[in-house]
Amino acid sequence: MTDDLPIPDYDQLPENSIAHRVRTLDADGVARLLEHERGHANRVQVVQLLERRLDDLRSGAAEPTGGDPAGAQPEVPSTPDRGSPVEDSDKQANNQPLRHGVAGQTPNRPIR
């Protein structure tokens, strides 16, 4: 049944890739994917994405974009590496925890 889907290897695609590829489809193509998704994996986020896209296409709020849904698409990582928002120059030099109740044993910390 997956051979007649408008996006090849649809079942193996991650959710974020489906969002990019579905933009090239018309309302009939999106409806076929939605029916397939509901009958198979039934991923909530994908179903919602397809429903919104189908509503937009049918209401005229969106049109299919150019391109081939089978063409190579950039794969977006599902969990992007955001790194640390703290600059190295802003990190505290002394990472020793403060000791409470012991006079004279609290490490000296620079005053900012």
PDB file of N, CA and C in Angstrom:
ATOM      1  N   MET A   1       0.807  -1.190   0.000  1.00  0.00           N
ATOM      2  CA  MET A   1       0.000   0.000   0.000  1.00  0.00           C
ATOM      3  C   MET A   1       0.853   1.258   0.000  1.00  0.00           C
ATOM      4  N   THR A   2       2.087   1.171   0.517  1.00  0.00           N
ATOM      5  CA  THR A   2       2.937   2.355   0.559  1.00  0.00           C
ATOM      6  C   THR A   2       3.470   2.718  -0.822  1.00  0.00           C
ATOM      7  N   ASP A   3       3.351   1.812  -1.797  1.00  0.00           N
ATOM      8  CA  ASP A   3       3.821   2.117  -3.142  1.00  0.00           C
ATOM      9  C   ASP A   3       2.974   3.194  -3.809  1.00  0.00           C
ATOM     10  N   ASP A   4       1.709   3.324  -3.426  1.00  0.00           N
ATOM     11  CA  ASP A   4       0.845   4.311  -4.063  1.00  0.00           C
ATOM     12  C   ASP A   4       0.809   5.639  -3.303  1.00  0.00           C
ATOM     13  N   LEU A   5       1.652   5.797  -2.289  1.00  0.00           N
ATOM     14  CA  LEU A   5       1.713   7.058  -1.558  1.00  0.00           C
ATOM     15  C   LEU A   5       2.488   8.092  -2.370  1.00  0.00           C
ATOM     16  N   PRO A   6       2.125   9.364  -2.260  1.00  0.00           N
ATOM     17  CA  PRO A   6       2.791  10.395  -3.047  1.00  0.00           C
ATOM     18  C   PRO A   6       4.216  10.723  -2.592  1.00  0.00           C
ATOM     19  N   ILE A   7       4.613  10.262  -1.407  1.00  0.00           N
ATOM     20  CA  ILE A   7       5.978  10.462  -0.925  1.00  0.00           C
ATOM     21  C   ILE A   7       6.626   9.091  -0.747  1.00  0.00           C
ATOM     22  N   PRO A   8       7.680   8.807  -1.522  1.00  0.00           N
ATOM     23  CA  PRO A   8       8.349   7.508  -1.401  1.00  0.00           C
ATOM     24  C   PRO A   8       8.941   7.305  -0.003  1.00  0.00           C
ATOM     25  N   ASP A   9       8.918   6.075   0.468  1.00  0.00           N
ATOM     26  CA  ASP A   9       9.471   5.707   1.776  1.00  0.00           C
ATOM     27  C   ASP A   9       8.889   6.542   2.914  1.00  0.00           C
ATOM     28  N   TYR A  10       7.634   6.895   2.777  1.00  0.00           N
ATOM     29  CA  TYR A  10       6.957   7.755   3.755  1.00  0.00           C
ATOM     30  C   TYR A  10       7.073   7.203   5.173  1.00  0.00           C
ATOM     31  N   ASP A  11       6.869   5.907   5.340  1.00  0.00           N
ATOM     32  CA  ASP A  11       6.853   5.316   6.684  1.00  0.00           C
ATOM     33  C   ASP A  11       8.207   5.386   7.392  1.00  0.00           C
ATOM     34  N   GLN A  12       9.292   5.551   6.639  1.00  0.00           N
ATOM     35  CA  GLN A  12      10.618   5.612   7.240  1.00  0.00           C
ATOM     36  C   GLN A  12      11.069   7.048   7.523  1.00  0.00           C
ATOM     37  N   LEU A  13      10.284   8.030   7.124  1.00  0.00           N
ATOM     38  CA  LEU A  13      10.688   9.424   7.294  1.00  0.00           C
ATOM     39  C   LEU A  13      10.409   9.914   8.709  1.00  0.00           C
ATOM     40  N   PRO A  14      11.335  10.723   9.258  1.00  0.00           N
ATOM     41  CA  PRO A  14      11.050  11.343  10.554  1.00  0.00           C
ATOM     42  C   PRO A  14      10.001  12.436  10.390  1.00  0.00           C
ATOM     43  N   GLU A  15       9.354  12.777  11.474  1.00  0.00           N
ATOM     44  CA  GLU A  15       8.248  13.736  11.439  1.00  0.00           C
ATOM     45  C   GLU A  15       8.654  15.075  10.835  1.00  0.00           C
ATOM     46  N   ASN A  16       9.843  15.572  11.187  1.00  0.00           N
ATOM     47  CA  ASN A  16      10.244  16.884  10.687  1.00  0.00           C
ATOM     48  C   ASN A  16      10.508  16.868   9.180  1.00  0.00           C
ATOM     49  N   SER A  17      10.876  15.745   8.618  1.00  0.00           N
ATOM     50  CA  SER A  17      11.076  15.648   7.177  1.00  0.00           C
ATOM     51  C   SER A  17       9.734  15.625   6.446  1.00  0.00           C
ATOM     52  N   ILE A  18       8.741  15.012   7.053  1.00  0.00           N
ATOM     53  CA  ILE A  18       7.401  14.966   6.454  1.00  0.00           C
ATOM     54  C   ILE A  18       6.847  16.378   6.318  1.00  0.00           C
ATOM     55  N   ALA A  19       7.098  17.218   7.305  1.00  0.00           N
ATOM     56  CA  ALA A  19       6.611  18.596   7.267  1.00  0.00           C
ATOM     57  C   ALA A  19       7.133  19.340   6.046  1.00  0.00           C
ATOM     58  N   HIS A  20       8.380  19.082   5.651  1.00  0.00           N
ATOM     59  CA  HIS A  20       8.953  19.741   4.480  1.00  0.00           C
ATOM     60  C   HIS A  20       8.398  19.167   3.182  1.00  0.00           C
ATOM     61  N   ARG A  21       8.293  17.869   3.124  1.00  0.00           N
ATOM     62  CA  ARG A  21       7.880  17.212   1.881  1.00  0.00           C
ATOM     63  C   ARG A  21       6.393  17.397   1.563  1.00  0.00           C
ATOM     64  N   VAL A  22       5.559  17.523   2.578  1.00  0.00           N
ATOM     65  CA  VAL A  22       4.113  17.601   2.375  1.00  0.00           C
ATOM     66  C   VAL A  22       3.723  18.925   1.710  1.00  0.00           C
ATOM     67  N   ARG A  23       4.589  19.912   1.778  1.00  0.00           N
ATOM     68  CA  ARG A  23       4.284  21.215   1.165  1.00  0.00           C
ATOM     69  C   ARG A  23       4.146  21.139  -0.351  1.00  0.00           C
ATOM     70  N   THR A  24       4.747  20.134  -0.957  1.00  0.00           N
ATOM     71  CA  THR A  24       4.701  20.011  -2.417  1.00  0.00           C
ATOM     72  C   THR A  24       3.431  19.335  -2.906  1.00  0.00           C
ATOM     73  N   LEU A  25       2.646  18.780  -2.001  1.00  0.00           N
ATOM     74  CA  LEU A  25       1.482  17.975  -2.392  1.00  0.00           C
ATOM     75  C   LEU A  25       0.213  18.808  -2.504  1.00  0.00           C
ATOM     76  N   ASP A  26      -0.694  18.345  -3.348  1.00  0.00           N
ATOM     77  CA  ASP A  26      -2.018  18.956  -3.434  1.00  0.00           C
ATOM     78  C   ASP A  26      -2.920  18.323  -2.374  1.00  0.00           C
ATOM     79  N   ALA A  27      -4.167  18.760  -2.295  1.00  0.00           N
ATOM     80  CA  ALA A  27      -5.086  18.278  -1.258  1.00  0.00           C
ATOM     81  C   ALA A  27      -5.309  16.769  -1.353  1.00  0.00           C
ATOM     82  N   ASP A  28      -5.392  16.225  -2.569  1.00  0.00           N
ATOM     83  CA  ASP A  28      -5.593  14.777  -2.711  1.00  0.00           C
ATOM     84  C   ASP A  28      -4.415  13.995  -2.155  1.00  0.00           C
ATOM     85  N   GLY A  29      -3.203  14.472  -2.421  1.00  0.00           N
ATOM     86  CA  GLY A  29      -2.005  13.796  -1.908  1.00  0.00           C
ATOM     87  C   GLY A  29      -1.930  13.831  -0.402  1.00  0.00           C
ATOM     88  N   VAL A  30      -2.243  14.979   0.178  1.00  0.00           N
ATOM     89  CA  VAL A  30      -2.224  15.106   1.640  1.00  0.00           C
ATOM     90  C   VAL A  30      -3.306  14.226   2.258  1.00  0.00           C
ATOM     91  N   ALA A  31      -4.477  14.180   1.618  1.00  0.00           N
ATOM     92  CA  ALA A  31      -5.567  13.337   2.132  1.00  0.00           C
ATOM     93  C   ALA A  31      -5.169  11.860   2.113  1.00  0.00           C
ATOM     94  N   ARG A  32      -4.467  11.428   1.073  1.00  0.00           N
ATOM     95  CA  ARG A  32      -4.006  10.022   1.014  1.00  0.00           C
ATOM     96  C   ARG A  32      -3.006   9.729   2.121  1.00  0.00           C
ATOM     97  N   LEU A  33      -2.097  10.677   2.358  1.00  0.00           N
ATOM     98  CA  LEU A  33      -1.135  10.482   3.447  1.00  0.00           C
ATOM     99  C   LEU A  33      -1.829  10.447   4.804  1.00  0.00           C
ATOM    100  N   LEU A  34      -2.810  11.320   4.978  1.00  0.00           N
ATOM    101  CA  LEU A  34      -3.540  11.373   6.250  1.00  0.00           C
ATOM    102  C   LEU A  34      -4.271  10.057   6.504  1.00  0.00           C
ATOM    103  N   GLU A  35      -4.912   9.533   5.493  1.00  0.00           N
ATOM    104  CA  GLU A  35      -5.607   8.251   5.631  1.00  0.00           C
ATOM    105  C   GLU A  35      -4.623   7.136   5.970  1.00  0.00           C
ATOM    106  N   HIS A  36      -3.481   7.142   5.296  1.00  0.00           N
ATOM    107  CA  HIS A  36      -2.452   6.125   5.550  1.00  0.00           C
ATOM    108  C   HIS A  36      -1.910   6.263   6.983  1.00  0.00           C
ATOM    109  N   GLU A  37      -1.620   7.486   7.392  1.00  0.00           N
ATOM    110  CA  GLU A  37      -1.066   7.722   8.733  1.00  0.00           C
ATOM    111  C   GLU A  37      -2.031   7.261   9.811  1.00  0.00           C
ATOM    112  N   ARG A  38      -3.295   7.588   9.664  1.00  0.00           N
ATOM    113  CA  ARG A  38      -4.292   7.176  10.660  1.00  0.00           C
ATOM    114  C   ARG A  38      -4.415   5.654  10.732  1.00  0.00           C
ATOM    115  N   GLY A  39      -4.250   4.984   9.625  1.00  0.00           N
ATOM    116  CA  GLY A  39      -4.387   3.534   9.594  1.00  0.00           C
ATOM    117  C   GLY A  39      -3.139   2.774   9.989  1.00  0.00           C
ATOM    118  N   HIS A  40      -2.011   3.465  10.104  1.00  0.00           N
ATOM    119  CA  HIS A  40      -0.760   2.764  10.404  1.00  0.00           C
ATOM    120  C   HIS A  40      -0.121   3.296  11.680  1.00  0.00           C
ATOM    121  N   ALA A  41       0.825   4.188  11.575  1.00  0.00           N
ATOM    122  CA  ALA A  41       1.556   4.658  12.760  1.00  0.00           C
ATOM    123  C   ALA A  41       0.691   5.544  13.648  1.00  0.00           C
ATOM    124  N   ASN A  42      -0.198   6.333  13.047  1.00  0.00           N
ATOM    125  CA  ASN A  42      -1.109   7.221  13.772  1.00  0.00           C
ATOM    126  C   ASN A  42      -0.365   8.115  14.760  1.00  0.00           C
ATOM    127  N   ARG A  43       0.741   8.731  14.275  1.00  0.00           N
ATOM    128  CA  ARG A  43       1.527   9.651  15.099  1.00  0.00           C
ATOM    129  C   ARG A  43       0.727  10.947  15.253  1.00  0.00           C
ATOM    130  N   VAL A  44       0.465  11.324  16.480  1.00  0.00           N
ATOM    131  CA  VAL A  44      -0.400  12.467  16.775  1.00  0.00           C
ATOM    132  C   VAL A  44       0.102  13.734  16.089  1.00  0.00           C
ATOM    133  N   GLN A  45       1.384  14.025  16.210  1.00  0.00           N
ATOM    134  CA  GLN A  45       1.923  15.251  15.618  1.00  0.00           C
ATOM    135  C   GLN A  45       1.824  15.236  14.095  1.00  0.00           C
ATOM    136  N   VAL A  46       2.039  14.090  13.484  1.00  0.00           N
ATOM    137  CA  VAL A  46       1.955  14.000  12.025  1.00  0.00           C
ATOM    138  C   VAL A  46       0.503  14.134  11.573  1.00  0.00           C
ATOM    139  N   VAL A  47      -0.410  13.492  12.280  1.00  0.00           N
ATOM    140  CA  VAL A  47      -1.831  13.614  11.936  1.00  0.00           C
ATOM    141  C   VAL A  47      -2.266  15.074  12.025  1.00  0.00           C
ATOM    142  N   GLN A  48      -1.872  15.757  13.088  1.00  0.00           N
ATOM    143  CA  GLN A  48      -2.229  17.173  13.245  1.00  0.00           C
ATOM    144  C   GLN A  48      -1.619  18.022  12.139  1.00  0.00           C
ATOM    145  N   LEU A  49      -0.367  17.750  11.797  1.00  0.00           N
ATOM    146  CA  LEU A  49       0.294  18.470  10.711  1.00  0.00           C
ATOM    147  C   LEU A  49      -0.454  18.283   9.395  1.00  0.00           C
ATOM    148  N   LEU A  50      -0.799  17.044   9.086  1.00  0.00           N
ATOM    149  CA  LEU A  50      -1.495  16.743   7.832  1.00  0.00           C
ATOM    150  C   LEU A  50      -2.904  17.345   7.816  1.00  0.00           C
ATOM    151  N   GLU A  51      -3.597  17.295   8.946  1.00  0.00           N
ATOM    152  CA  GLU A  51      -4.940  17.893   9.021  1.00  0.00           C
ATOM    153  C   GLU A  51      -4.882  19.402   8.773  1.00  0.00           C
ATOM    154  N   ARG A  52      -3.909  20.074   9.416  1.00  0.00           N
ATOM    155  CA  ARG A  52      -3.772  21.527   9.212  1.00  0.00           C
ATOM    156  C   ARG A  52      -3.448  21.850   7.757  1.00  0.00           C
ATOM    157  N   ARG A  53      -2.535  21.081   7.173  1.00  0.00           N
ATOM    158  CA  ARG A  53      -2.150  21.332   5.778  1.00  0.00           C
ATOM    159  C   ARG A  53      -3.336  21.096   4.850  1.00  0.00           C
ATOM    160  N   LEU A  54      -4.085  20.047   5.086  1.00  0.00           N
ATOM    161  CA  LEU A  54      -5.251  19.740   4.262  1.00  0.00           C
ATOM    162  C   LEU A  54      -6.302  20.846   4.385  1.00  0.00           C
ATOM    163  N   ASP A  55      -6.554  21.313   5.590  1.00  0.00           N
ATOM    164  CA  ASP A  55      -7.502  22.414   5.798  1.00  0.00           C
ATOM    165  C   ASP A  55      -7.042  23.676   5.058  1.00  0.00           C
ATOM    166  N   ASP A  56      -5.739  23.974   5.153  1.00  0.00           N
ATOM    167  CA  ASP A  56      -5.203  25.161   4.473  1.00  0.00           C
ATOM    168  C   ASP A  56      -5.332  25.047   2.956  1.00  0.00           C
ATOM    169  N   LEU A  57      -5.072  23.869   2.430  1.00  0.00           N
ATOM    170  CA  LEU A  57      -5.188  23.678   0.975  1.00  0.00           C
ATOM    171  C   LEU A  57      -6.641  23.792   0.514  1.00  0.00           C
ATOM    172  N   ARG A  58      -7.534  23.186   1.262  1.00  0.00           N
ATOM    173  CA  ARG A  58      -8.951  23.202   0.866  1.00  0.00           C
ATOM    174  C   ARG A  58      -9.588  24.584   1.029  1.00  0.00           C
ATOM    175  N   SER A  59      -9.112  25.364   1.988  1.00  0.00           N
ATOM    176  CA  SER A  59      -9.682  26.698   2.202  1.00  0.00           C
ATOM    177  C   SER A  59      -9.047  27.748   1.293  1.00  0.00           C
ATOM    178  N   GLY A  60      -7.960  27.384   0.629  1.00  0.00           N
ATOM    179  CA  GLY A  60      -7.276  28.336  -0.244  1.00  0.00           C
ATOM    180  C   GLY A  60      -6.220  29.153   0.477  1.00  0.00           C
ATOM    181  N   ALA A  61      -5.985  28.870   1.751  1.00  0.00           N
ATOM    182  CA  ALA A  61      -4.975  29.593   2.521  1.00  0.00           C
ATOM    183  C   ALA A  61      -3.560  29.170   2.133  1.00  0.00           C
ATOM    184  N   ALA A  62      -3.426  28.047   1.449  1.00  0.00           N
ATOM    185  CA  ALA A  62      -2.116  27.555   1.026  1.00  0.00           C
ATOM    186  C   ALA A  62      -2.249  26.899  -0.338  1.00  0.00           C
ATOM    187  N   GLU A  63      -1.127  26.839  -1.036  1.00  0.00           N
ATOM    188  CA  GLU A  63      -1.052  26.158  -2.325  1.00  0.00           C
ATOM    189  C   GLU A  63       0.164  25.256  -2.312  1.00  0.00           C
ATOM    190  N   PRO A  64       0.155  24.194  -3.110  1.00  0.00           N
ATOM    191  CA  PRO A  64       1.348  23.353  -3.182  1.00  0.00           C
ATOM    192  C   PRO A  64       2.538  24.154  -3.715  1.00  0.00           C
ATOM    193  N   THR A  65       3.679  23.928  -3.129  1.00  0.00           N
ATOM    194  CA  THR A  65       4.893  24.586  -3.599  1.00  0.00           C
ATOM    195  C   THR A  65       5.481  23.781  -4.736  1.00  0.00           C
ATOM    196  N   GLY A  66       6.383  24.361  -5.449  1.00  0.00           N
ATOM    197  CA  GLY A  66       7.065  23.609  -6.501  1.00  0.00           C
ATOM    198  C   GLY A  66       8.011  22.596  -5.894  1.00  0.00           C
ATOM    199  N   GLY A  67       8.414  21.680  -6.679  1.00  0.00           N
ATOM    200  CA  GLY A  67       9.373  20.697  -6.186  1.00  0.00           C
ATOM    201  C   GLY A  67       8.827  19.299  -6.246  1.00  0.00           C
ATOM    202  N   ASP A  68       9.708  18.387  -6.014  1.00  0.00           N
ATOM    203  CA  ASP A  68       9.385  16.968  -6.085  1.00  0.00           C
ATOM    204  C   ASP A  68       9.416  16.384  -4.684  1.00  0.00           C
ATOM    205  N   PRO A  69       8.300  15.833  -4.194  1.00  0.00           N
ATOM    206  CA  PRO A  69       8.316  15.262  -2.845  1.00  0.00           C
ATOM    207  C   PRO A  69       9.254  14.073  -2.718  1.00  0.00           C
ATOM    208  N   ALA A  70       9.644  13.489  -3.840  1.00  0.00           N
ATOM    209  CA  ALA A  70      10.583  12.368  -3.813  1.00  0.00           C
ATOM    210  C   ALA A  70      12.021  12.850  -3.871  1.00  0.00           C
ATOM    211  N   GLY A  71      12.219  14.136  -4.168  1.00  0.00           N
ATOM    212  CA  GLY A  71      13.563  14.681  -4.283  1.00  0.00           C
ATOM    213  C   GLY A  71      14.281  14.724  -2.954  1.00  0.00           C
ATOM    214  N   ALA A  72      15.581  14.935  -3.064  1.00  0.00           N
ATOM    215  CA  ALA A  72      16.401  15.010  -1.851  1.00  0.00           C
ATOM    216  C   ALA A  72      15.983  16.214  -1.025  1.00  0.00           C
ATOM    217  N   GLN A  73      15.794  15.992   0.241  1.00  0.00           N
ATOM    218  CA  GLN A  73      15.389  17.039   1.169  1.00  0.00           C
ATOM    219  C   GLN A  73      16.434  17.114   2.281  1.00  0.00           C
ATOM    220  N   PRO A  74      16.698  18.306   2.777  1.00  0.00           N
ATOM    221  CA  PRO A  74      17.615  18.382   3.925  1.00  0.00           C
ATOM    222  C   PRO A  74      16.951  17.754   5.138  1.00  0.00           C
ATOM    223  N   GLU A  75      17.642  16.859   5.773  1.00  0.00           N
ATOM    224  CA  GLU A  75      17.109  16.216   6.963  1.00  0.00           C
ATOM    225  C   GLU A  75      17.495  17.055   8.172  1.00  0.00           C
ATOM    226  N   VAL A  76      16.512  17.498   8.908  1.00  0.00           N
ATOM    227  CA  VAL A  76      16.720  18.330  10.078  1.00  0.00           C
ATOM    228  C   VAL A  76      16.824  17.414  11.287  1.00  0.00           C
ATOM    229  N   PRO A  77      17.876  17.585  12.105  1.00  0.00           N
ATOM    230  CA  PRO A  77      17.959  16.719  13.287  1.00  0.00           C
ATOM    231  C   PRO A  77      16.778  16.961  14.213  1.00  0.00           C
ATOM    232  N   SER A  78      16.286  15.886  14.811  1.00  0.00           N
ATOM    233  CA  SER A  78      15.109  16.009  15.668  1.00  0.00           C
ATOM    234  C   SER A  78      15.416  16.720  16.977  1.00  0.00           C
ATOM    235  N   THR A  79      16.661  16.646  17.441  1.00  0.00           N
ATOM    236  CA  THR A  79      17.046  17.374  18.646  1.00  0.00           C
ATOM    237  C   THR A  79      18.285  18.200  18.319  1.00  0.00           C
ATOM    238  N   PRO A  80      18.097  19.458  17.958  1.00  0.00           N
ATOM    239  CA  PRO A  80      19.232  20.277  17.585  1.00  0.00           C
ATOM    240  C   PRO A  80      20.168  20.521  18.764  1.00  0.00           C
ATOM    241  N   ASP A  81      21.458  20.623  18.466  1.00  0.00           N
ATOM    242  CA  ASP A  81      22.449  20.895  19.493  1.00  0.00           C
ATOM    243  C   ASP A  81      22.444  22.390  19.755  1.00  0.00           C
ATOM    244  N   ARG A  82      21.966  22.779  20.899  1.00  0.00           N
ATOM    245  CA  ARG A  82      21.876  24.201  21.220  1.00  0.00           C
ATOM    246  C   ARG A  82      23.103  24.688  21.985  1.00  0.00           C
ATOM    247  N   GLY A  83      23.903  23.789  22.522  1.00  0.00           N
ATOM    248  CA  GLY A  83      25.089  24.195  23.251  1.00  0.00           C
ATOM    249  C   GLY A  83      24.757  24.979  24.508  1.00  0.00           C
ATOM    250  N   SER A  84      25.759  25.535  25.093  1.00  0.00           N
ATOM    251  CA  SER A  84      25.571  26.319  26.305  1.00  0.00           C
ATOM    252  C   SER A  84      25.421  27.791  25.953  1.00  0.00           C
ATOM    253  N   PRO A  85      24.424  28.465  26.537  1.00  0.00           N
ATOM    254  CA  PRO A  85      24.262  29.891  26.266  1.00  0.00           C
ATOM    255  C   PRO A  85      25.279  30.751  27.014  1.00  0.00           C
ATOM    256  N   VAL A  86      26.084  30.153  27.888  1.00  0.00           N
ATOM    257  CA  VAL A  86      27.045  30.889  28.695  1.00  0.00           C
ATOM    258  C   VAL A  86      28.375  30.964  27.953  1.00  0.00           C
ATOM    259  N   GLU A  87      28.891  32.170  27.820  1.00  0.00           N
ATOM    260  CA  GLU A  87      30.198  32.355  27.198  1.00  0.00           C
ATOM    261  C   GLU A  87      31.280  31.857  28.149  1.00  0.00           C
ATOM    262  N   ASP A  88      32.401  31.384  27.605  1.00  0.00           N
ATOM    263  CA  ASP A  88      33.493  30.909  28.449  1.00  0.00           C
ATOM    264  C   ASP A  88      33.992  32.000  29.387  1.00  0.00           C
ATOM    265  N   SER A  89      33.997  33.255  28.940  1.00  0.00           N
ATOM    266  CA  SER A  89      34.484  34.352  29.780  1.00  0.00           C
ATOM    267  C   SER A  89      33.537  34.638  30.952  1.00  0.00           C
ATOM    268  N   ASP A  90      32.286  34.190  30.857  1.00  0.00           N
ATOM    269  CA  ASP A  90      31.313  34.434  31.922  1.00  0.00           C
ATOM    270  C   ASP A  90      31.240  33.301  32.944  1.00  0.00           C
ATOM    271  N   LYS A  91      31.917  32.206  32.658  1.00  0.00           N
ATOM    272  CA  LYS A  91      31.878  31.082  33.593  1.00  0.00           C
ATOM    273  C   LYS A  91      32.662  31.424  34.844  1.00  0.00           C
ATOM    274  N   GLN A  92      32.197  30.935  35.960  1.00  0.00           N
ATOM    275  CA  GLN A  92      32.850  31.196  37.235  1.00  0.00           C
ATOM    276  C   GLN A  92      34.099  30.341  37.337  1.00  0.00           C
ATOM    277  N   ALA A  93      35.192  30.954  37.779  1.00  0.00           N
ATOM    278  CA  ALA A  93      36.467  30.249  37.859  1.00  0.00           C
ATOM    279  C   ALA A  93      36.467  29.208  38.970  1.00  0.00           C
ATOM    280  N   ASN A  94      35.922  29.560  40.133  1.00  0.00           N
ATOM    281  CA  ASN A  94      35.935  28.651  41.264  1.00  0.00           C
ATOM    282  C   ASN A  94      34.585  27.944  41.326  1.00  0.00           C
ATOM    283  N   ASN A  95      34.585  26.671  41.052  1.00  0.00           N
ATOM    284  CA  ASN A  95      33.347  25.914  41.007  1.00  0.00           C
ATOM    285  C   ASN A  95      33.098  25.135  42.294  1.00  0.00           C
ATOM    286  N   GLN A  96      33.866  25.443  43.333  1.00  0.00           N
ATOM    287  CA  GLN A  96      33.704  24.759  44.609  1.00  0.00           C
ATOM    288  C   GLN A  96      32.446  25.274  45.303  1.00  0.00           C
ATOM    289  N   PRO A  97      31.605  24.383  45.831  1.00  0.00           N
ATOM    290  CA  PRO A  97      30.376  24.838  46.491  1.00  0.00           C
ATOM    291  C   PRO A  97      30.691  25.564  47.798  1.00  0.00           C
ATOM    292  N   LEU A  98      29.806  26.471  48.151  1.00  0.00           N
ATOM    293  CA  LEU A  98      29.957  27.199  49.409  1.00  0.00           C
ATOM    294  C   LEU A  98      29.667  26.263  50.574  1.00  0.00           C
ATOM    295  N   ARG A  99      30.425  26.428  51.649  1.00  0.00           N
ATOM    296  CA  ARG A  99      30.186  25.634  52.857  1.00  0.00           C
ATOM    297  C   ARG A  99      29.486  26.522  53.864  1.00  0.00           C
ATOM    298  N   HIS A 100      28.486  26.022  54.463  1.00  0.00           N
ATOM    299  CA  HIS A 100      27.703  26.798  55.413  1.00  0.00           C
ATOM    300  C   HIS A 100      27.998  26.351  56.834  1.00  0.00           C
ATOM    301  N   GLY A 101      28.162  27.312  57.705  1.00  0.00           N
ATOM    302  CA  GLY A 101      28.339  27.015  59.125  1.00  0.00           C
ATOM    303  C   GLY A 101      29.765  26.730  59.535  1.00  0.00           C
ATOM    304  N   VAL A 102      30.716  26.803  58.631  1.00  0.00           N
ATOM    305  CA  VAL A 102      32.106  26.556  58.991  1.00  0.00           C
ATOM    306  C   VAL A 102      32.886  27.829  58.663  1.00  0.00           C
ATOM    307  N   ALA A 103      33.213  28.582  59.694  1.00  0.00           N
ATOM    308  CA  ALA A 103      33.887  29.869  59.488  1.00  0.00           C
ATOM    309  C   ALA A 103      35.267  29.668  58.874  1.00  0.00           C
ATOM    310  N   GLY A 104      35.583  30.523  57.933  1.00  0.00           N
ATOM    311  CA  GLY A 104      36.913  30.517  57.342  1.00  0.00           C
ATOM    312  C   GLY A 104      37.124  29.458  56.276  1.00  0.00           C
ATOM    313  N   GLN A 105      36.166  28.602  56.016  1.00  0.00           N
ATOM    314  CA  GLN A 105      36.366  27.564  55.011  1.00  0.00           C
ATOM    315  C   GLN A 105      35.592  27.833  53.720  1.00  0.00           C
ATOM    316  N   THR A 106      34.899  28.956  53.666  1.00  0.00           N
ATOM    317  CA  THR A 106      34.191  29.308  52.443  1.00  0.00           C
ATOM    318  C   THR A 106      35.214  29.849  51.459  1.00  0.00           C
ATOM    319  N   PRO A 107      35.257  29.332  50.247  1.00  0.00           N
ATOM    320  CA  PRO A 107      36.249  29.812  49.290  1.00  0.00           C
ATOM    321  C   PRO A 107      36.014  31.276  48.937  1.00  0.00           C
ATOM    322  N   ASN A 108      37.098  31.950  48.656  1.00  0.00           N
ATOM    323  CA  ASN A 108      37.005  33.347  48.261  1.00  0.00           C
ATOM    324  C   ASN A 108      36.432  33.420  46.855  1.00  0.00           C
ATOM    325  N   ARG A 109      35.470  34.281  46.684  1.00  0.00           N
ATOM    326  CA  ARG A 109      34.855  34.455  45.373  1.00  0.00           C
ATOM    327  C   ARG A 109      34.981  35.914  44.978  1.00  0.00           C
ATOM    328  N   PRO A 110      35.209  36.168  43.704  1.00  0.00           N
ATOM    329  CA  PRO A 110      35.321  37.566  43.282  1.00  0.00           C
ATOM    330  C   PRO A 110      33.967  38.265  43.406  1.00  0.00           C
ATOM    331  N   ILE A 111      33.998  39.505  43.758  1.00  0.00           N
ATOM    332  CA  ILE A 111      32.785  40.307  43.875  1.00  0.00           C
ATOM    333  C   ILE A 111      32.489  40.894  42.512  1.00  0.00           C
ATOM    334  N   ARG A 112      31.266  40.764  42.069  1.00  0.00           N
ATOM    335  CA  ARG A 112      30.875  41.284  40.739  1.00  0.00           C
ATOM    336  C   ARG A 112      29.969  42.437  40.893  1.00  0.00           C
TER     337      ARG A 112
END
